[in-house]
Amino acid sequence: MAAILSSIAGNLLEMIVLAAVIVAGVICGHKYRDHKEAQKAAEKETK
């Protein structure tokens, strides 16, 4: 029984870590896209 609970706990921890990595990737991607769009808008204003 302890092996099953240990396995579940390990899988749960892994799932939490992977979810955190996914959320961080989405946030970084959104900020990067906003930055690129701001650069394009600034280029259009100067032309």
PDB file of N, CA and C in Angstrom:
ATOM      1  N   MET A   1       0.826  -1.198   0.000  1.00  0.00           N
ATOM      2  CA  MET A   1       0.000   0.000   0.000  1.00  0.00           C
ATOM      3  C   MET A   1       0.870   1.262   0.000  1.00  0.00           C
ATOM      4  N   ALA A   2       1.983   1.196   0.704  1.00  0.00           N
ATOM      5  CA  ALA A   2       2.861   2.353   0.771  1.00  0.00           C
ATOM      6  C   ALA A   2       3.470   2.648  -0.599  1.00  0.00           C
ATOM      7  N   ALA A   3       3.733   1.597  -1.368  1.00  0.00           N
ATOM      8  CA  ALA A   3       4.306   1.794  -2.697  1.00  0.00           C
ATOM      9  C   ALA A   3       3.318   2.507  -3.615  1.00  0.00           C
ATOM     10  N   ILE A   4       2.057   2.172  -3.496  1.00  0.00           N
ATOM     11  CA  ILE A   4       1.031   2.819  -4.322  1.00  0.00           C
ATOM     12  C   ILE A   4       0.919   4.295  -3.964  1.00  0.00           C
ATOM     13  N   LEU A   5       0.864   4.605  -2.678  1.00  0.00           N
ATOM     14  CA  LEU A   5       0.760   5.992  -2.245  1.00  0.00           C
ATOM     15  C   LEU A   5       2.013   6.779  -2.628  1.00  0.00           C
ATOM     16  N   SER A   6       3.154   6.142  -2.540  1.00  0.00           N
ATOM     17  CA  SER A   6       4.392   6.797  -2.936  1.00  0.00           C
ATOM     18  C   SER A   6       4.385   7.102  -4.428  1.00  0.00           C
ATOM     19  N   SER A   7       3.894   6.183  -5.216  1.00  0.00           N
ATOM     20  CA  SER A   7       3.816   6.382  -6.657  1.00  0.00           C
ATOM     21  C   SER A   7       2.844   7.510  -7.000  1.00  0.00           C
ATOM     22  N   ILE A   8       1.713   7.533  -6.334  1.00  0.00           N
ATOM     23  CA  ILE A   8       0.724   8.590  -6.565  1.00  0.00           C
ATOM     24  C   ILE A   8       1.314   9.946  -6.183  1.00  0.00           C
ATOM     25  N   ALA A   9       2.001  10.007  -5.057  1.00  0.00           N
ATOM     26  CA  ALA A   9       2.606  11.264  -4.608  1.00  0.00           C
ATOM     27  C   ALA A   9       3.670  11.728  -5.600  1.00  0.00           C
ATOM     28  N   GLY A  10       4.469  10.812  -6.105  1.00  0.00           N
ATOM     29  CA  GLY A  10       5.493  11.167  -7.085  1.00  0.00           C
ATOM     30  C   GLY A  10       4.890  11.684  -8.370  1.00  0.00           C
ATOM     31  N   ASN A  11       3.836  11.026  -8.829  1.00  0.00           N
ATOM     32  CA  ASN A  11       3.169  11.465 -10.056  1.00  0.00           C
ATOM     33  C   ASN A  11       2.498  12.822  -9.861  1.00  0.00           C
ATOM     34  N   LEU A  12       1.921  13.039  -8.695  1.00  0.00           N
ATOM     35  CA  LEU A  12       1.287  14.313  -8.405  1.00  0.00           C
ATOM     36  C   LEU A  12       2.319  15.437  -8.381  1.00  0.00           C
ATOM     37  N   LEU A  13       3.461  15.187  -7.776  1.00  0.00           N
ATOM     38  CA  LEU A  13       4.527  16.184  -7.742  1.00  0.00           C
ATOM     39  C   LEU A  13       5.024  16.504  -9.144  1.00  0.00           C
ATOM     40  N   GLU A  14       5.201  15.473  -9.952  1.00  0.00           N
ATOM     41  CA  GLU A  14       5.643  15.672 -11.333  1.00  0.00           C
ATOM     42  C   GLU A  14       4.617  16.484 -12.120  1.00  0.00           C
ATOM     43  N   MET A  15       3.346  16.208 -11.916  1.00  0.00           N
ATOM     44  CA  MET A  15       2.291  16.932 -12.608  1.00  0.00           C
ATOM     45  C   MET A  15       2.293  18.407 -12.200  1.00  0.00           C
ATOM     46  N   ILE A  16       2.515  18.685 -10.927  1.00  0.00           N
ATOM     47  CA  ILE A  16       2.548  20.074 -10.455  1.00  0.00           C
ATOM     48  C   ILE A  16       3.734  20.821 -11.069  1.00  0.00           C
ATOM     49  N   VAL A  17       4.885  20.172 -11.119  1.00  0.00           N
ATOM     50  CA  VAL A  17       6.075  20.804 -11.709  1.00  0.00           C
ATOM     51  C   VAL A  17       5.851  21.080 -13.193  1.00  0.00           C
ATOM     52  N   LEU A  18       5.317  20.118 -13.909  1.00  0.00           N
ATOM     53  CA  LEU A  18       5.069  20.317 -15.340  1.00  0.00           C
ATOM     54  C   LEU A  18       4.024  21.402 -15.586  1.00  0.00           C
ATOM     55  N   ALA A  19       3.009  21.473 -14.748  1.00  0.00           N
ATOM     56  CA  ALA A  19       2.004  22.531 -14.890  1.00  0.00           C
ATOM     57  C   ALA A  19       2.637  23.902 -14.662  1.00  0.00           C
ATOM     58  N   ALA A  20       3.546  23.994 -13.705  1.00  0.00           N
ATOM     59  CA  ALA A  20       4.232  25.266 -13.446  1.00  0.00           C
ATOM     60  C   ALA A  20       5.086  25.671 -14.644  1.00  0.00           C
ATOM     61  N   VAL A  21       5.750  24.710 -15.270  1.00  0.00           N
ATOM     62  CA  VAL A  21       6.569  24.999 -16.452  1.00  0.00           C
ATOM     63  C   VAL A  21       5.679  25.458 -17.604  1.00  0.00           C
ATOM     64  N   ILE A  22       4.540  24.840 -17.769  1.00  0.00           N
ATOM     65  CA  ILE A  22       3.609  25.224 -18.836  1.00  0.00           C
ATOM     66  C   ILE A  22       3.104  26.642 -18.619  1.00  0.00           C
ATOM     67  N   VAL A  23       2.703  26.952 -17.393  1.00  0.00           N
ATOM     68  CA  VAL A  23       2.201  28.295 -17.087  1.00  0.00           C
ATOM     69  C   VAL A  23       3.293  29.335 -17.323  1.00  0.00           C
ATOM     70  N   ALA A  24       4.515  29.046 -16.895  1.00  0.00           N
ATOM     71  CA  ALA A  24       5.624  29.982 -17.108  1.00  0.00           C
ATOM     72  C   ALA A  24       5.872  30.184 -18.604  1.00  0.00           C
ATOM     73  N   GLY A  25       5.779  29.128 -19.387  1.00  0.00           N
ATOM     74  CA  GLY A  25       5.963  29.235 -20.836  1.00  0.00           C
ATOM     75  C   GLY A  25       4.890  30.089 -21.485  1.00  0.00           C
ATOM     76  N   VAL A  26       3.671  29.936 -21.055  1.00  0.00           N
ATOM     77  CA  VAL A  26       2.576  30.730 -21.609  1.00  0.00           C
ATOM     78  C   VAL A  26       2.760  32.205 -21.263  1.00  0.00           C
ATOM     79  N   ILE A  27       3.136  32.487 -20.029  1.00  0.00           N
ATOM     80  CA  ILE A  27       3.335  33.870 -19.609  1.00  0.00           C
ATOM     81  C   ILE A  27       4.500  34.495 -20.382  1.00  0.00           C
ATOM     82  N   CYS A  28       5.611  33.772 -20.492  1.00  0.00           N
ATOM     83  CA  CYS A  28       6.768  34.295 -21.232  1.00  0.00           C
ATOM     84  C   CYS A  28       6.437  34.489 -22.706  1.00  0.00           C
ATOM     85  N   GLY A  29       5.708  33.570 -23.297  1.00  0.00           N
ATOM     86  CA  GLY A  29       5.312  33.692 -24.696  1.00  0.00           C
ATOM     87  C   GLY A  29       4.417  34.894 -24.933  1.00  0.00           C
ATOM     88  N   HIS A  30       3.510  35.139 -24.004  1.00  0.00           N
ATOM     89  CA  HIS A  30       2.618  36.288 -24.126  1.00  0.00           C
ATOM     90  C   HIS A  30       3.418  37.592 -24.036  1.00  0.00           C
ATOM     91  N   LYS A  31       4.340  37.668 -23.105  1.00  0.00           N
ATOM     92  CA  LYS A  31       5.165  38.872 -22.967  1.00  0.00           C
ATOM     93  C   LYS A  31       6.043  39.072 -24.200  1.00  0.00           C
ATOM     94  N   TYR A  32       6.589  37.983 -24.734  1.00  0.00           N
ATOM     95  CA  TYR A  32       7.432  38.072 -25.933  1.00  0.00           C
ATOM     96  C   TYR A  32       6.614  38.565 -27.129  1.00  0.00           C
ATOM     97  N   ARG A  33       5.406  38.042 -27.293  1.00  0.00           N
ATOM     98  CA  ARG A  33       4.551  38.475 -28.401  1.00  0.00           C
ATOM     99  C   ARG A  33       4.194  39.952 -28.269  1.00  0.00           C
ATOM    100  N   ASP A  34       3.867  40.390 -27.048  1.00  0.00           N
ATOM    101  CA  ASP A  34       3.560  41.799 -26.829  1.00  0.00           C
ATOM    102  C   ASP A  34       4.765  42.677 -27.172  1.00  0.00           C
ATOM    103  N   HIS A  35       5.945  42.221 -26.804  1.00  0.00           N
ATOM    104  CA  HIS A  35       7.169  42.975 -27.088  1.00  0.00           C
ATOM    105  C   HIS A  35       7.393  43.087 -28.594  1.00  0.00           C
ATOM    106  N   LYS A  36       7.215  41.989 -29.314  1.00  0.00           N
ATOM    107  CA  LYS A  36       7.406  42.007 -30.772  1.00  0.00           C
ATOM    108  C   LYS A  36       6.369  42.912 -31.447  1.00  0.00           C
ATOM    109  N   GLU A  37       5.121  42.861 -30.972  1.00  0.00           N
ATOM    110  CA  GLU A  37       4.081  43.710 -31.556  1.00  0.00           C
ATOM    111  C   GLU A  37       4.361  45.181 -31.284  1.00  0.00           C
ATOM    112  N   ALA A  38       4.904  45.496 -30.109  1.00  0.00           N
ATOM    113  CA  ALA A  38       5.238  46.878 -29.782  1.00  0.00           C
ATOM    114  C   ALA A  38       6.379  47.362 -30.677  1.00  0.00           C
ATOM    115  N   GLN A  39       7.340  46.496 -30.967  1.00  0.00           N
ATOM    116  CA  GLN A  39       8.433  46.873 -31.861  1.00  0.00           C
ATOM    117  C   GLN A  39       7.906  47.152 -33.269  1.00  0.00           C
ATOM    118  N   LYS A  40       7.006  46.314 -33.753  1.00  0.00           N
ATOM    119  CA  LYS A  40       6.445  46.518 -35.090  1.00  0.00           C
ATOM    120  C   LYS A  40       5.640  47.808 -35.149  1.00  0.00           C
ATOM    121  N   ALA A  41       4.885  48.106 -34.091  1.00  0.00           N
ATOM    122  CA  ALA A  41       4.106  49.341 -34.049  1.00  0.00           C
ATOM    123  C   ALA A  41       5.017  50.558 -34.031  1.00  0.00           C
ATOM    124  N   ALA A  42       6.130  50.459 -33.307  1.00  0.00           N
ATOM    125  CA  ALA A  42       7.078  51.580 -33.245  1.00  0.00           C
ATOM    126  C   ALA A  42       7.740  51.783 -34.603  1.00  0.00           C
ATOM    127  N   GLU A  43       8.020  50.710 -35.322  1.00  0.00           N
ATOM    128  CA  GLU A  43       8.608  50.838 -36.664  1.00  0.00           C
ATOM    129  C   GLU A  43       7.638  51.512 -37.621  1.00  0.00           C
ATOM    130  N   LYS A  44       6.362  51.178 -37.527  1.00  0.00           N
ATOM    131  CA  LYS A  44       5.372  51.773 -38.418  1.00  0.00           C
ATOM    132  C   LYS A  44       5.196  53.259 -38.137  1.00  0.00           C
ATOM    133  N   GLU A  45       5.301  53.646 -36.862  1.00  0.00           N
ATOM    134  CA  GLU A  45       5.135  55.061 -36.514  1.00  0.00           C
ATOM    135  C   GLU A  45       6.294  55.901 -37.017  1.00  0.00           C
ATOM    136  N   THR A  46       7.471  55.326 -37.084  1.00  0.00           N
ATOM    137  CA  THR A  46       8.638  56.104 -37.517  1.00  0.00           C
ATOM    138  C   THR A  46       8.719  56.230 -39.033  1.00  0.00           C
ATOM    139  N   LYS A  47       8.016  55.401 -39.750  1.00  0.00           N
ATOM    140  CA  LYS A  47       8.066  55.450 -41.225  1.00  0.00           C
ATOM    141  C   LYS A  47       7.128  56.477 -41.777  1.00  0.00           C
TER     142      LYS A  47
END
